[in-house]
Amino acid sequence: MHGQKSAKRMDPCAGSPALARFLTVHPDGVSLAIKVQPRAPSNEIGAPRGNELLVKVTAPPVDSAANEVLVRLLAKTLDCPRARIEVIRGHKSRHKVVKVHGGSAATVLEKLGPD
């Protein structure tokens, strides 16, 4: 079968099988590789596309507006304070890496709900 490569990634903390390819576990949380689609009709977290999670935001990519909406959407979806969500790479790009400080892979994946 095709697409079995993600099964090689393991959560070292939980020992769970196969993490999503867009998620990386760190000792102090997890990071998410995200592709942002600005000026979308609604704010929503979409399905993974390759190694990134697609997130649609209504804000334009001007003056960090899309980044702010992205952080708020993730905080609301993950039910955590905004201060725990940080854009660590790609501030001016559609391709971003966002860190969830203190988040576990299992909890983040459960709340995001991607397959």
Protein backbone atom coordinates (compact mmCIF):
# COMPACT_ATOMS: atom_id res chain seq x y z
CA MET A 1 0.00 0.00 0.00
CA HIS A 2 1.07 3.55 -0.61
CA GLY A 3 1.44 6.16 2.13
CA GLN A 4 2.79 3.86 4.85
CA LYS A 5 5.93 5.96 5.39
CA SER A 6 4.39 7.91 8.31
CA ALA A 7 4.27 4.69 10.34
CA LYS A 8 8.02 5.01 10.94
CA ARG A 9 7.59 8.06 13.19
CA MET A 10 7.06 7.29 16.85
CA ASP A 11 6.05 9.41 19.82
CA PRO A 12 8.95 8.78 22.20
CA CYS A 13 6.92 9.98 25.17
CA ALA A 14 3.80 7.89 24.67
CA GLY A 15 5.17 5.02 22.62
CA SER A 16 2.21 5.38 20.29
CA PRO A 17 2.44 4.33 16.67
CA ALA A 18 2.53 6.61 13.65
CA LEU A 19 2.42 10.31 14.13
CA ALA A 20 1.11 12.58 11.47
CA ARG A 21 3.88 13.79 9.18
CA PHE A 22 3.11 17.44 10.02
CA LEU A 23 3.78 16.93 13.75
CA THR A 24 7.15 16.78 15.50
CA VAL A 25 7.59 15.91 19.18
CA HIS A 26 9.94 18.00 21.34
CA PRO A 27 10.79 17.63 25.05
CA ASP A 28 8.79 20.79 25.84
CA GLY A 29 5.86 20.34 23.44
CA VAL A 30 5.15 19.67 19.79
CA SER A 31 5.55 21.60 16.57
CA LEU A 32 3.20 21.62 13.61
CA ALA A 33 4.14 22.22 9.98
CA ILE A 34 1.29 24.32 8.62
CA LYS A 35 0.32 25.74 5.25
CA VAL A 36 -1.88 28.79 5.75
CA GLN A 37 -4.46 29.79 3.18
CA PRO A 38 -5.26 33.47 3.84
CA ARG A 39 -8.45 35.24 2.72
CA ALA A 40 -10.50 32.04 3.02
CA PRO A 41 -14.28 32.25 3.47
CA SER A 42 -13.99 30.89 7.03
CA ASN A 43 -11.40 30.00 9.66
CA GLU A 44 -10.92 26.25 9.72
CA ILE A 45 -8.36 23.54 10.18
CA GLY A 46 -8.33 21.31 7.14
CA ALA A 47 -6.83 18.00 6.27
CA PRO A 48 -3.11 17.28 6.13
CA ARG A 49 -1.53 17.83 2.73
CA GLY A 50 1.72 15.95 2.49
CA ASN A 51 3.94 17.07 5.35
CA GLU A 52 1.79 20.07 6.29
CA LEU A 53 -1.57 20.70 7.90
CA LEU A 54 -3.77 23.04 5.85
CA VAL A 55 -5.29 25.87 7.88
CA LYS A 56 -7.64 28.39 6.27
CA VAL A 57 -7.96 31.86 7.77
CA THR A 58 -10.16 34.78 6.77
CA ALA A 59 -7.47 37.39 7.43
CA PRO A 60 -5.23 38.74 4.68
CA PRO A 61 -1.47 38.12 4.86
CA VAL A 62 -0.83 41.74 5.90
CA ASP A 63 0.75 43.07 9.11
CA SER A 64 0.77 39.61 10.73
CA ALA A 65 -3.05 39.47 10.64
CA ALA A 66 -3.08 35.91 9.28
CA ASN A 67 -0.56 34.80 11.92
CA GLU A 68 -2.70 36.25 14.70
CA VAL A 69 -5.85 34.52 13.44
CA LEU A 70 -3.88 31.27 13.06
CA VAL A 71 -2.65 31.43 16.67
CA ARG A 72 -6.15 32.23 17.98
CA LEU A 73 -7.72 29.41 15.95
CA LEU A 74 -5.16 26.87 17.18
CA ALA A 75 -5.52 28.03 20.79
CA LYS A 76 -9.29 27.69 20.60
CA THR A 77 -9.14 24.30 18.87
CA LEU A 78 -6.52 22.93 21.26
CA ASP A 79 -8.26 24.48 24.27
CA CYS A 80 -5.11 26.15 25.55
CA PRO A 81 -3.95 29.72 26.23
CA ARG A 82 -2.72 31.75 23.25
CA ALA A 83 0.59 32.21 25.05
CA ARG A 84 1.34 28.48 24.54
CA ILE A 85 1.09 28.80 20.74
CA GLU A 86 4.05 30.37 18.94
CA VAL A 87 4.91 30.81 15.27
CA ILE A 88 8.58 29.82 15.27
CA ARG A 89 9.26 29.84 11.53
CA GLY A 90 7.64 31.33 8.45
CA HIS A 91 6.30 34.59 9.87
CA LYS A 92 5.99 36.06 6.36
CA SER A 93 5.37 32.82 4.49
CA ARG A 94 2.35 30.60 3.95
CA HIS A 95 4.50 27.68 5.09
CA LYS A 96 4.92 27.94 8.86
CA VAL A 97 6.10 25.95 11.84
CA VAL A 98 4.03 26.54 14.97
CA LYS A 99 5.07 25.31 18.41
CA VAL A 100 2.55 24.20 21.01
CA HIS A 101 4.44 24.60 24.28
CA GLY A 102 3.59 21.88 26.78
CA GLY A 103 1.34 20.00 24.37
CA SER A 104 1.53 16.26 23.89
CA ALA A 105 1.29 14.63 20.48
CA ALA A 106 -1.68 12.50 21.50
CA THR A 107 -3.67 15.46 22.84
CA VAL A 108 -2.89 17.70 19.88
CA LEU A 109 -3.82 15.03 17.34
CA GLU A 110 -7.01 14.19 19.22
CA LYS A 111 -8.15 17.82 19.30
CA LEU A 112 -7.13 18.57 15.71
CA GLY A 113 -8.89 15.43 14.55
CA PRO A 114 -7.00 14.85 11.25
CA ASP A 115 -6.85 11.35 9.82
